[in-house]
C-alpha cells in the first residue's frame, strides 16, 4: 500500500515525513541489498571476521551517504531560487534534452 501523499505540488512537507518516506523507499529497494551482497564481500579478506567487517563497511557507507546527501540538499536549498528562475530552468532542460538525444543517437548508431 503506497504512502499517502502530503500536501499539493509546491507545498513543503515536514522533515519527519520526508525522512520516513526516504527510509521506507530505501528499505524496500532491492538494489541496496544487492549492492551490499555483491560489493562489500570483495573488501573482506579471508582471515577477517565477515560479520564484523561487513557491519563496519556498511556503517562507513551509510555515514558517507548521509554526509553527501545532506551537503547536496543544503546546496539545492541555497540555490533553489536561482534554479527555479525561468531562464535557468529552460537552459537546464535544454541541455538535458540535448544530452538525452545525443545518447539515444549514439545507441541507435552503434554498430554492434
PDB file of N, CA and C in Angstrom:
ATOM      1  N   UNK A   1       0.853  -1.178   0.000  1.00  0.00           N
ATOM      2  CA  UNK A   1       0.000   0.000   0.000  1.00  0.00           C
ATOM      3  C   UNK A   1       0.896   1.237   0.000  1.00  0.00           C
ATOM      4  N   UNK A   2       0.736   2.102  -0.980  1.00  0.00           N
ATOM      5  CA  UNK A   2       1.614   3.274  -1.051  1.00  0.00           C
ATOM      6  C   UNK A   2       1.332   4.258   0.073  1.00  0.00           C
ATOM      7  N   UNK A   3       2.364   5.024   0.398  1.00  0.00           N
ATOM      8  CA  UNK A   3       2.208   6.062   1.410  1.00  0.00           C
ATOM      9  C   UNK A   3       1.293   7.152   0.895  1.00  0.00           C
ATOM     10  N   UNK A   4       0.477   7.743   1.748  1.00  0.00           N
ATOM     11  CA  UNK A   4      -0.383   8.831   1.280  1.00  0.00           C
ATOM     12  C   UNK A   4       0.450  10.061   0.931  1.00  0.00           C
ATOM     13  N   UNK A   5      -0.011  10.767  -0.076  1.00  0.00           N
ATOM     14  CA  UNK A   5       0.680  11.989  -0.476  1.00  0.00           C
ATOM     15  C   UNK A   5       0.353  13.094   0.509  1.00  0.00           C
ATOM     16  N   UNK A   6       1.322  13.912   0.806  1.00  0.00           N
ATOM     17  CA  UNK A   6       1.135  15.011   1.742  1.00  0.00           C
ATOM     18  C   UNK A   6       1.216  16.326   0.991  1.00  0.00           C
ATOM     19  N   UNK A   7       0.203  17.162   1.136  1.00  0.00           N
ATOM     20  CA  UNK A   7       0.217  18.483   0.529  1.00  0.00           C
ATOM     21  C   UNK A   7      -0.025  18.410  -0.970  1.00  0.00           C
ATOM     22  N   UNK A   8       0.045  19.545  -1.567  1.00  0.00           N
ATOM     23  CA  UNK A   8      -0.098  19.625  -3.009  1.00  0.00           C
ATOM     24  C   UNK A   8       1.227  20.038  -3.601  1.00  0.00           C
ATOM     25  N   UNK A   9       1.281  20.060  -4.901  1.00  0.00           N
ATOM     26  CA  UNK A   9       2.511  20.432  -5.578  1.00  0.00           C
ATOM     27  C   UNK A   9       2.959  21.816  -5.122  1.00  0.00           C
ATOM     28  N   UNK A  10       4.186  21.914  -4.654  1.00  0.00           N
ATOM     29  CA  UNK A  10       4.716  23.188  -4.204  1.00  0.00           C
ATOM     30  C   UNK A  10       4.627  23.379  -2.695  1.00  0.00           C
ATOM     31  N   UNK A  11       3.737  22.634  -2.034  1.00  0.00           N
ATOM     32  CA  UNK A  11       3.639  22.735  -0.581  1.00  0.00           C
ATOM     33  C   UNK A  11       4.744  21.902   0.054  1.00  0.00           C
ATOM     34  N   UNK A  12       5.541  22.480   0.941  1.00  0.00           N
ATOM     35  CA  UNK A  12       6.593  21.694   1.583  1.00  0.00           C
ATOM     36  C   UNK A  12       5.996  20.687   2.571  1.00  0.00           C
ATOM     37  N   UNK A  13       6.646  19.541   2.682  1.00  0.00           N
ATOM     38  CA  UNK A  13       6.214  18.556   3.670  1.00  0.00           C
ATOM     39  C   UNK A  13       7.159  18.645   4.864  1.00  0.00           C
ATOM     40  N   UNK A  14       6.703  18.130   5.975  1.00  0.00           N
ATOM     41  CA  UNK A  14       7.532  18.159   7.181  1.00  0.00           C
ATOM     42  C   UNK A  14       8.753  17.265   7.002  1.00  0.00           C
ATOM     43  N   UNK A  15       9.815  17.619   7.679  1.00  0.00           N
ATOM     44  CA  UNK A  15      11.066  16.857   7.563  1.00  0.00           C
ATOM     45  C   UNK A  15      10.883  15.417   8.009  1.00  0.00           C
ATOM     46  N   UNK A  16      10.117  15.209   9.054  1.00  0.00           N
ATOM     47  CA  UNK A  16       9.906  13.855   9.561  1.00  0.00           C
ATOM     48  C   UNK A  16       9.217  12.991   8.507  1.00  0.00           C
ATOM     49  N   UNK A  17       8.241  13.559   7.819  1.00  0.00           N
ATOM     50  CA  UNK A  17       7.525  12.823   6.776  1.00  0.00           C
ATOM     51  C   UNK A  17       8.465  12.515   5.624  1.00  0.00           C
ATOM     52  N   UNK A  18       9.255  13.481   5.216  1.00  0.00           N
ATOM     53  CA  UNK A  18      10.210  13.277   4.124  1.00  0.00           C
ATOM     54  C   UNK A  18      11.240  12.214   4.503  1.00  0.00           C
ATOM     55  N   UNK A  19      11.724  12.257   5.744  1.00  0.00           N
ATOM     56  CA  UNK A  19      12.698  11.267   6.203  1.00  0.00           C
ATOM     57  C   UNK A  19      12.084   9.875   6.192  1.00  0.00           C
ATOM     58  N   UNK A  20      10.863   9.758   6.692  1.00  0.00           N
ATOM     59  CA  UNK A  20      10.186   8.454   6.726  1.00  0.00           C
ATOM     60  C   UNK A  20       9.989   7.908   5.319  1.00  0.00           C
ATOM     61  N   UNK A  21       9.582   8.752   4.391  1.00  0.00           N
ATOM     62  CA  UNK A  21       9.396   8.302   3.018  1.00  0.00           C
ATOM     63  C   UNK A  21      10.716   7.837   2.411  1.00  0.00           C
ATOM     64  N   UNK A  22      11.791   8.535   2.709  1.00  0.00           N
ATOM     65  CA  UNK A  22      13.099   8.135   2.199  1.00  0.00           C
ATOM     66  C   UNK A  22      13.569   6.814   2.778  1.00  0.00           C
ATOM     67  N   UNK A  23      13.374   6.615   4.078  1.00  0.00           N
ATOM     68  CA  UNK A  23      13.789   5.367   4.722  1.00  0.00           C
ATOM     69  C   UNK A  23      12.988   4.196   4.172  1.00  0.00           C
ATOM     70  N   UNK A  24      11.679   4.353   4.061  1.00  0.00           N
ATOM     71  CA  UNK A  24      10.840   3.280   3.525  1.00  0.00           C
ATOM     72  C   UNK A  24      11.245   2.960   2.092  1.00  0.00           C
ATOM     73  N   UNK A  25      11.513   3.989   1.300  1.00  0.00           N
ATOM     74  CA  UNK A  25      11.928   3.783  -0.090  1.00  0.00           C
ATOM     75  C   UNK A  25      13.243   3.010  -0.153  1.00  0.00           C
ATOM     76  N   UNK A  26      14.204   3.370   0.679  1.00  0.00           N
ATOM     77  CA  UNK A  26      15.488   2.671   0.680  1.00  0.00           C
ATOM     78  C   UNK A  26      15.373   1.239   1.188  1.00  0.00           C
ATOM     79  N   UNK A  27      14.587   1.025   2.229  1.00  0.00           N
ATOM     80  CA  UNK A  27      14.449  -0.315   2.781  1.00  0.00           C
ATOM     81  C   UNK A  27      13.736  -1.261   1.819  1.00  0.00           C
ATOM     82  N   UNK A  28      12.834  -0.742   1.012  1.00  0.00           N
ATOM     83  CA  UNK A  28      12.103  -1.578   0.058  1.00  0.00           C
ATOM     84  C   UNK A  28      12.786  -1.664  -1.303  1.00  0.00           C
ATOM     85  N   UNK A  29      13.932  -1.028  -1.446  1.00  0.00           N
ATOM     86  CA  UNK A  29      14.652  -1.020  -2.717  1.00  0.00           C
ATOM     87  C   UNK A  29      15.592  -2.230  -2.779  1.00  0.00           C
ATOM     88  N   UNK A  30      15.328  -3.193  -3.647  1.00  0.00           N
ATOM     89  CA  UNK A  30      16.194  -4.379  -3.700  1.00  0.00           C
ATOM     90  C   UNK A  30      17.602  -4.078  -4.199  1.00  0.00           C
ATOM     91  N   UNK A  31      17.802  -2.959  -4.885  1.00  0.00           N
ATOM     92  CA  UNK A  31      19.137  -2.628  -5.388  1.00  0.00           C
ATOM     93  C   UNK A  31      20.110  -2.379  -4.242  1.00  0.00           C
ATOM     94  N   UNK A  32      19.622  -1.844  -3.134  1.00  0.00           N
ATOM     95  CA  UNK A  32      20.503  -1.598  -1.984  1.00  0.00           C
ATOM     96  C   UNK A  32      21.011  -2.919  -1.422  1.00  0.00           C
ATOM     97  N   UNK A  33      20.110  -3.886  -1.269  1.00  0.00           N
ATOM     98  CA  UNK A  33      20.522  -5.205  -0.767  1.00  0.00           C
ATOM     99  C   UNK A  33      21.509  -5.860  -1.726  1.00  0.00           C
ATOM    100  N   UNK A  34      21.246  -5.770  -3.020  1.00  0.00           N
ATOM    101  CA  UNK A  34      22.165  -6.348  -3.999  1.00  0.00           C
ATOM    102  C   UNK A  34      23.528  -5.661  -3.967  1.00  0.00           C
ATOM    103  N   UNK A  35      23.527  -4.360  -3.753  1.00  0.00           N
ATOM    104  CA  UNK A  35      24.790  -3.630  -3.658  1.00  0.00           C
ATOM    105  C   UNK A  35      25.645  -4.186  -2.520  1.00  0.00           C
ATOM    106  N   UNK A  36      25.031  -4.341  -1.358  1.00  0.00           N
ATOM    107  CA  UNK A  36      25.802  -4.818  -0.212  1.00  0.00           C
ATOM    108  C   UNK A  36      26.189  -6.288  -0.358  1.00  0.00           C
ATOM    109  N   UNK A  37      25.333  -7.087  -0.985  1.00  0.00           N
ATOM    110  CA  UNK A  37      25.650  -8.504  -1.154  1.00  0.00           C
ATOM    111  C   UNK A  37      26.740  -8.741  -2.200  1.00  0.00           C
ATOM    112  N   UNK A  38      26.846  -7.853  -3.181  1.00  0.00           N
ATOM    113  CA  UNK A  38      27.827  -8.071  -4.239  1.00  0.00           C
ATOM    114  C   UNK A  38      29.088  -7.235  -4.090  1.00  0.00           C
ATOM    115  N   UNK A  39      28.967  -6.049  -3.532  1.00  0.00           N
ATOM    116  CA  UNK A  39      30.113  -5.146  -3.479  1.00  0.00           C
ATOM    117  C   UNK A  39      30.979  -5.356  -2.239  1.00  0.00           C
ATOM    118  N   UNK A  40      30.352  -5.442  -1.079  1.00  0.00           N
ATOM    119  CA  UNK A  40      31.129  -5.482   0.155  1.00  0.00           C
ATOM    120  C   UNK A  40      31.993  -6.733   0.330  1.00  0.00           C
ATOM    121  N   UNK A  41      31.547  -7.935  -0.063  1.00  0.00           N
ATOM    122  CA  UNK A  41      32.404  -9.114   0.175  1.00  0.00           C
ATOM    123  C   UNK A  41      33.789  -9.036  -0.457  1.00  0.00           C
ATOM    124  N   UNK A  42      33.951  -8.299  -1.537  1.00  0.00           N
ATOM    125  CA  UNK A  42      35.267  -8.231  -2.168  1.00  0.00           C
ATOM    126  C   UNK A  42      36.276  -7.433  -1.337  1.00  0.00           C
ATOM    127  N   UNK A  43      35.787  -6.693  -0.335  1.00  0.00           N
ATOM    128  CA  UNK A  43      36.675  -5.922   0.528  1.00  0.00           C
ATOM    129  C   UNK A  43      36.965  -6.635   1.848  1.00  0.00           C
ATOM    130  N   UNK A  44      36.513  -7.856   1.987  1.00  0.00           N
ATOM    131  CA  UNK A  44      36.738  -8.633   3.209  1.00  0.00           C
ATOM    132  C   UNK A  44      37.770  -9.718   2.903  1.00  0.00           C
ATOM    133  N   UNK A  45      38.903  -9.652   3.591  1.00  0.00           N
ATOM    134  CA  UNK A  45      39.954 -10.654   3.405  1.00  0.00           C
ATOM    135  C   UNK A  45      39.511 -11.981   3.994  1.00  0.00           C
ATOM    136  N   UNK A  46      40.087 -13.083   3.505  1.00  0.00           N
ATOM    137  CA  UNK A  46      39.675 -14.408   4.013  1.00  0.00           C
ATOM    138  C   UNK A  46      39.867 -14.588   5.521  1.00  0.00           C
ATOM    139  N   UNK A  47      40.836 -13.934   6.120  1.00  0.00           N
ATOM    140  CA  UNK A  47      41.085 -14.112   7.542  1.00  0.00           C
ATOM    141  C   UNK A  47      40.270 -13.204   8.450  1.00  0.00           C
ATOM    142  N   UNK A  48      39.560 -12.253   7.893  1.00  0.00           N
ATOM    143  CA  UNK A  48      38.807 -11.287   8.699  1.00  0.00           C
ATOM    144  C   UNK A  48      37.445 -11.852   9.110  1.00  0.00           C
ATOM    145  N   UNK A  49      36.949 -11.372  10.259  1.00  0.00           N
ATOM    146  CA  UNK A  49      35.586 -11.774  10.646  1.00  0.00           C
ATOM    147  C   UNK A  49      34.576 -11.126   9.684  1.00  0.00           C
ATOM    148  N   UNK A  50      33.781 -11.935   9.019  1.00  0.00           N
ATOM    149  CA  UNK A  50      32.889 -11.445   7.965  1.00  0.00           C
ATOM    150  C   UNK A  50      31.805 -10.511   8.480  1.00  0.00           C
ATOM    151  N   UNK A  51      31.137 -10.885   9.539  1.00  0.00           N
ATOM    152  CA  UNK A  51      30.015 -10.085  10.025  1.00  0.00           C
ATOM    153  C   UNK A  51      30.500  -8.738  10.550  1.00  0.00           C
ATOM    154  N   UNK A  52      31.540  -8.742  11.360  1.00  0.00           N
ATOM    155  CA  UNK A  52      32.048  -7.502  11.936  1.00  0.00           C
ATOM    156  C   UNK A  52      32.560  -6.559  10.842  1.00  0.00           C
ATOM    157  N   UNK A  53      33.302  -7.087   9.905  1.00  0.00           N
ATOM    158  CA  UNK A  53      33.819  -6.251   8.823  1.00  0.00           C
ATOM    159  C   UNK A  53      32.687  -5.729   7.948  1.00  0.00           C
ATOM    160  N   UNK A  54      31.679  -6.559   7.684  1.00  0.00           N
ATOM    161  CA  UNK A  54      30.525  -6.116   6.894  1.00  0.00           C
ATOM    162  C   UNK A  54      29.785  -4.984   7.588  1.00  0.00           C
ATOM    163  N   UNK A  55      29.636  -5.080   8.893  1.00  0.00           N
ATOM    164  CA  UNK A  55      28.957  -4.027   9.646  1.00  0.00           C
ATOM    165  C   UNK A  55      29.763  -2.732   9.592  1.00  0.00           C
ATOM    166  N   UNK A  56      31.063  -2.829   9.756  1.00  0.00           N
ATOM    167  CA  UNK A  56      31.915  -1.631   9.704  1.00  0.00           C
ATOM    168  C   UNK A  56      31.834  -0.979   8.319  1.00  0.00           C
ATOM    169  N   UNK A  57      31.911  -1.775   7.274  1.00  0.00           N
ATOM    170  CA  UNK A  57      31.830  -1.229   5.918  1.00  0.00           C
ATOM    171  C   UNK A  57      30.453  -0.622   5.637  1.00  0.00           C
ATOM    172  N   UNK A  58      29.412  -1.255   6.138  1.00  0.00           N
ATOM    173  CA  UNK A  58      28.056  -0.734   5.950  1.00  0.00           C
ATOM    174  C   UNK A  58      27.881   0.591   6.675  1.00  0.00           C
ATOM    175  N   UNK A  59      28.372   0.680   7.899  1.00  0.00           N
ATOM    176  CA  UNK A  59      28.269   1.925   8.670  1.00  0.00           C
ATOM    177  C   UNK A  59      29.063   3.034   7.963  1.00  0.00           C
ATOM    178  N   UNK A  60      30.235   2.698   7.451  1.00  0.00           N
ATOM    179  CA  UNK A  60      31.027   3.689   6.724  1.00  0.00           C
ATOM    180  C   UNK A  60      30.284   4.159   5.472  1.00  0.00           C
ATOM    181  N   UNK A  61      29.669   3.233   4.743  1.00  0.00           N
ATOM    182  CA  UNK A  61      28.912   3.579   3.545  1.00  0.00           C
ATOM    183  C   UNK A  61      27.737   4.498   3.886  1.00  0.00           C
ATOM    184  N   UNK A  62      26.998   4.141   4.924  1.00  0.00           N
ATOM    185  CA  UNK A  62      25.839   4.947   5.331  1.00  0.00           C
ATOM    186  C   UNK A  62      26.293   6.333   5.801  1.00  0.00           C
ATOM    187  N   UNK A  63      27.400   6.387   6.544  1.00  0.00           N
ATOM    188  CA  UNK A  63      27.909   7.677   7.010  1.00  0.00           C
ATOM    189  C   UNK A  63      28.297   8.594   5.862  1.00  0.00           C
ATOM    190  N   UNK A  64      29.014   8.062   4.893  1.00  0.00           N
ATOM    191  CA  UNK A  64      29.404   8.860   3.731  1.00  0.00           C
ATOM    192  C   UNK A  64      28.166   9.293   2.948  1.00  0.00           C
ATOM    193  N   UNK A  65      27.204   8.383   2.777  1.00  0.00           N
ATOM    194  CA  UNK A  65      25.981   8.712   2.040  1.00  0.00           C
ATOM    195  C   UNK A  65      25.189   9.811   2.745  1.00  0.00           C
ATOM    196  N   UNK A  66      25.085   9.734   4.070  1.00  0.00           N
ATOM    197  CA  UNK A  66      24.355  10.766   4.813  1.00  0.00           C
ATOM    198  C   UNK A  66      25.010  12.136   4.660  1.00  0.00           C
ATOM    199  N   UNK A  67      26.317  12.167   4.765  1.00  0.00           N
ATOM    200  CA  UNK A  67      27.019  13.448   4.621  1.00  0.00           C
ATOM    201  C   UNK A  67      26.852  13.974   3.199  1.00  0.00           C
ATOM    202  N   UNK A  68      27.010  13.105   2.209  1.00  0.00           N
ATOM    203  CA  UNK A  68      26.886  13.516   0.810  1.00  0.00           C
ATOM    204  C   UNK A  68      25.495  14.076   0.520  1.00  0.00           C
ATOM    205  N   UNK A  69      24.458  13.356   0.925  1.00  0.00           N
ATOM    206  CA  UNK A  69      23.092  13.808   0.634  1.00  0.00           C
ATOM    207  C   UNK A  69      22.725  15.056   1.422  1.00  0.00           C
ATOM    208  N   UNK A  70      23.249  15.189   2.619  1.00  0.00           N
ATOM    209  CA  UNK A  70      22.954  16.395   3.406  1.00  0.00           C
ATOM    210  C   UNK A  70      23.588  17.624   2.758  1.00  0.00           C
ATOM    211  N   UNK A  71      24.838  17.495   2.339  1.00  0.00           N
ATOM    212  CA  UNK A  71      25.505  18.619   1.667  1.00  0.00           C
ATOM    213  C   UNK A  71      24.783  18.953   0.361  1.00  0.00           C
ATOM    214  N   UNK A  72      24.392  17.929  -0.389  1.00  0.00           N
ATOM    215  CA  UNK A  72      23.669  18.153  -1.640  1.00  0.00           C
ATOM    216  C   UNK A  72      22.342  18.860  -1.390  1.00  0.00           C
ATOM    217  N   UNK A  73      21.617  18.454  -0.351  1.00  0.00           N
ATOM    218  CA  UNK A  73      20.327  19.097  -0.068  1.00  0.00           C
ATOM    219  C   UNK A  73      20.523  20.538   0.404  1.00  0.00           C
ATOM    220  N   UNK A  74      21.570  20.803   1.164  1.00  0.00           N
ATOM    221  CA  UNK A  74      21.844  22.190   1.577  1.00  0.00           C
ATOM    222  C   UNK A  74      22.151  23.057   0.355  1.00  0.00           C
ATOM    223  N   UNK A  75      22.964  22.530  -0.556  1.00  0.00           N
ATOM    224  CA  UNK A  75      23.293  23.291  -1.761  1.00  0.00           C
ATOM    225  C   UNK A  75      22.057  23.525  -2.627  1.00  0.00           C
ATOM    226  N   UNK A  76      21.221  22.508  -2.767  1.00  0.00           N
ATOM    227  CA  UNK A  76      19.992  22.675  -3.551  1.00  0.00           C
ATOM    228  C   UNK A  76      19.083  23.711  -2.904  1.00  0.00           C
ATOM    229  N   UNK A  77      19.005  23.700  -1.578  1.00  0.00           N
ATOM    230  CA  UNK A  77      18.202  24.698  -0.880  1.00  0.00           C
ATOM    231  C   UNK A  77      18.758  26.094  -1.045  1.00  0.00           C
ATOM    232  N   UNK A  78      20.084  26.195  -1.023  1.00  0.00           N
ATOM    233  CA  UNK A  78      20.713  27.505  -1.159  1.00  0.00           C
ATOM    234  C   UNK A  78      20.518  28.082  -2.556  1.00  0.00           C
ATOM    235  N   UNK A  79      20.503  27.222  -3.562  1.00  0.00           N
ATOM    236  CA  UNK A  79      20.363  27.673  -4.943  1.00  0.00           C
ATOM    237  C   UNK A  79      18.937  27.527  -5.477  1.00  0.00           C
ATOM    238  N   UNK A  80      17.986  27.263  -4.588  1.00  0.00           N
ATOM    239  CA  UNK A  80      16.615  26.997  -5.019  1.00  0.00           C
ATOM    240  C   UNK A  80      16.026  28.140  -5.848  1.00  0.00           C
ATOM    241  N   UNK A  81      16.132  29.343  -5.373  1.00  0.00           N
ATOM    242  CA  UNK A  81      15.526  30.461  -6.101  1.00  0.00           C
ATOM    243  C   UNK A  81      16.215  30.665  -7.453  1.00  0.00           C
ATOM    244  N   UNK A  82      17.533  30.472  -7.502  1.00  0.00           N
ATOM    245  CA  UNK A  82      18.250  30.604  -8.759  1.00  0.00           C
ATOM    246  C   UNK A  82      17.849  29.496  -9.733  1.00  0.00           C
ATOM    247  N   UNK A  83      17.762  28.246  -9.234  1.00  0.00           N
ATOM    248  CA  UNK A  83      17.397  27.124 -10.088  1.00  0.00           C
ATOM    249  C   UNK A  83      15.957  27.211 -10.578  1.00  0.00           C
ATOM    250  N   UNK A  84      15.083  27.863  -9.807  1.00  0.00           N
ATOM    251  CA  UNK A  84      13.677  27.978 -10.178  1.00  0.00           C
ATOM    252  C   UNK A  84      13.419  29.091 -11.184  1.00  0.00           C
ATOM    253  N   UNK A  85      14.399  29.937 -11.438  1.00  0.00           N
ATOM    254  CA  UNK A  85      14.227  31.021 -12.412  1.00  0.00           C
ATOM    255  C   UNK A  85      13.951  30.424 -13.790  1.00  0.00           C
ATOM    256  N   UNK A  86      13.068  31.066 -14.528  1.00  0.00           N
ATOM    257  CA  UNK A  86      12.660  30.545 -15.836  1.00  0.00           C
ATOM    258  C   UNK A  86      13.838  30.342 -16.791  1.00  0.00           C
ATOM    259  N   UNK A  87      14.741  31.304 -16.834  1.00  0.00           N
ATOM    260  CA  UNK A  87      15.883  31.198 -17.752  1.00  0.00           C
ATOM    261  C   UNK A  87      16.778  30.010 -17.401  1.00  0.00           C
ATOM    262  N   UNK A  88      17.051  29.832 -16.113  1.00  0.00           N
ATOM    263  CA  UNK A  88      17.926  28.740 -15.677  1.00  0.00           C
ATOM    264  C   UNK A  88      17.246  27.402 -15.920  1.00  0.00           C
ATOM    265  N   UNK A  89      15.966  27.304 -15.550  1.00  0.00           N
ATOM    266  CA  UNK A  89      15.228  26.052 -15.744  1.00  0.00           C
ATOM    267  C   UNK A  89      15.172  25.681 -17.230  1.00  0.00           C
ATOM    268  N   UNK A  90      14.905  26.662 -18.076  1.00  0.00           N
ATOM    269  CA  UNK A  90      14.850  26.404 -19.517  1.00  0.00           C
ATOM    270  C   UNK A  90      16.211  25.952 -20.039  1.00  0.00           C
ATOM    271  N   UNK A  91      17.275  26.593 -19.576  1.00  0.00           N
ATOM    272  CA  UNK A  91      18.623  26.204 -20.003  1.00  0.00           C
ATOM    273  C   UNK A  91      18.958  24.785 -19.539  1.00  0.00           C
ATOM    274  N   UNK A  92      18.633  24.456 -18.295  1.00  0.00           N
ATOM    275  CA  UNK A  92      18.904  23.105 -17.788  1.00  0.00           C
ATOM    276  C   UNK A  92      18.112  22.057 -18.559  1.00  0.00           C
ATOM    277  N   UNK A  93      16.846  22.345 -18.841  1.00  0.00           N
ATOM    278  CA  UNK A  93      16.033  21.403 -19.601  1.00  0.00           C
ATOM    279  C   UNK A  93      16.552  21.243 -21.019  1.00  0.00           C
ATOM    280  N   UNK A  94      17.027  22.319 -21.612  1.00  0.00           N
ATOM    281  CA  UNK A  94      17.583  22.251 -22.974  1.00  0.00           C
ATOM    282  C   UNK A  94      18.845  21.409 -23.003  1.00  0.00           C
ATOM    283  N   UNK A  95      19.737  21.653 -22.069  1.00  0.00           N
ATOM    284  CA  UNK A  95      20.986  20.884 -22.017  1.00  0.00           C
ATOM    285  C   UNK A  95      20.685  19.412 -21.765  1.00  0.00           C
ATOM    286  N   UNK A  96      19.788  19.137 -20.835  1.00  0.00           N
ATOM    287  CA  UNK A  96      19.429  17.748 -20.542  1.00  0.00           C
ATOM    288  C   UNK A  96      18.821  17.085 -21.768  1.00  0.00           C
ATOM    289  N   UNK A  97      17.948  17.791 -22.483  1.00  0.00           N
ATOM    290  CA  UNK A  97      17.350  17.239 -23.693  1.00  0.00           C
ATOM    291  C   UNK A  97      18.373  16.932 -24.762  1.00  0.00           C
ATOM    292  N   UNK A  98      19.316  17.832 -24.957  1.00  0.00           N
ATOM    293  CA  UNK A  98      20.365  17.620 -25.956  1.00  0.00           C
ATOM    294  C   UNK A  98      21.223  16.416 -25.591  1.00  0.00           C
ATOM    295  N   UNK A  99      21.550  16.283 -24.308  1.00  0.00           N
ATOM    296  CA  UNK A  99      22.347  15.135 -23.860  1.00  0.00           C
ATOM    297  C   UNK A  99      21.578  13.837 -24.093  1.00  0.00           C
ATOM    298  N   UNK A 100      20.286  13.822 -23.763  1.00  0.00           N
ATOM    299  CA  UNK A 100      19.485  12.608 -23.957  1.00  0.00           C
ATOM    300  C   UNK A 100      19.377  12.243 -25.439  1.00  0.00           C
ATOM    301  N   UNK A 101      19.175  13.236 -26.299  1.00  0.00           N
ATOM    302  CA  UNK A 101      19.110  12.977 -27.742  1.00  0.00           C
ATOM    303  C   UNK A 101      20.459  12.445 -28.238  1.00  0.00           C
ATOM    304  N   UNK A 102      21.537  13.030 -27.759  1.00  0.00           N
ATOM    305  CA  UNK A 102      22.866  12.562 -28.145  1.00  0.00           C
ATOM    306  C   UNK A 102      23.123  11.130 -27.714  1.00  0.00           C
ATOM    307  N   UNK A 103      22.747  10.796 -26.492  1.00  0.00           N
ATOM    308  CA  UNK A 103      22.932   9.417 -26.020  1.00  0.00           C
ATOM    309  C   UNK A 103      22.070   8.447 -26.809  1.00  0.00           C
ATOM    310  N   UNK A 104      20.833   8.856 -27.110  1.00  0.00           N
ATOM    311  CA  UNK A 104      19.962   7.998 -27.913  1.00  0.00           C
ATOM    312  C   UNK A 104      20.512   7.785 -29.312  1.00  0.00           C
ATOM    313  N   UNK A 105      21.042   8.843 -29.911  1.00  0.00           N
ATOM    314  CA  UNK A 105      21.634   8.727 -31.244  1.00  0.00           C
ATOM    315  C   UNK A 105      22.858   7.815 -31.205  1.00  0.00           C
ATOM    316  N   UNK A 106      23.640   7.914 -30.161  1.00  0.00           N
ATOM    317  CA  UNK A 106      24.826   7.051 -30.046  1.00  0.00           C
ATOM    318  C   UNK A 106      24.436   5.587 -29.948  1.00  0.00           C
ATOM    319  N   UNK A 107      23.400   5.304 -29.166  1.00  0.00           N
ATOM    320  CA  UNK A 107      22.933   3.916 -29.053  1.00  0.00           C
ATOM    321  C   UNK A 107      22.365   3.442 -30.393  1.00  0.00           C
ATOM    322  N   UNK A 108      21.593   4.291 -31.062  1.00  0.00           N
ATOM    323  CA  UNK A 108      20.991   3.903 -32.337  1.00  0.00           C
ATOM    324  C   UNK A 108      22.031   3.681 -33.420  1.00  0.00           C
ATOM    325  N   UNK A 109      23.102   4.443 -33.411  1.00  0.00           N
ATOM    326  CA  UNK A 109      24.114   4.334 -34.453  1.00  0.00           C
ATOM    327  C   UNK A 109      25.243   3.384 -34.124  1.00  0.00           C
ATOM    328  N   UNK A 110      25.226   2.820 -32.926  1.00  0.00           N
ATOM    329  CA  UNK A 110      26.272   1.887 -32.537  1.00  0.00           C
ATOM    330  C   UNK A 110      26.161   0.638 -33.415  1.00  0.00           C
ATOM    331  N   UNK A 111      27.248   0.222 -34.009  1.00  0.00           N
ATOM    332  CA  UNK A 111      27.230  -0.863 -34.986  1.00  0.00           C
ATOM    333  C   UNK A 111      27.294  -2.261 -34.408  1.00  0.00           C
ATOM    334  N   UNK A 112      27.005  -2.459 -33.162  1.00  0.00           N
ATOM    335  CA  UNK A 112      27.119  -3.809 -32.599  1.00  0.00           C
ATOM    336  C   UNK A 112      25.894  -4.601 -32.804  1.00  0.00           C
TER     337      UNK A 112
END
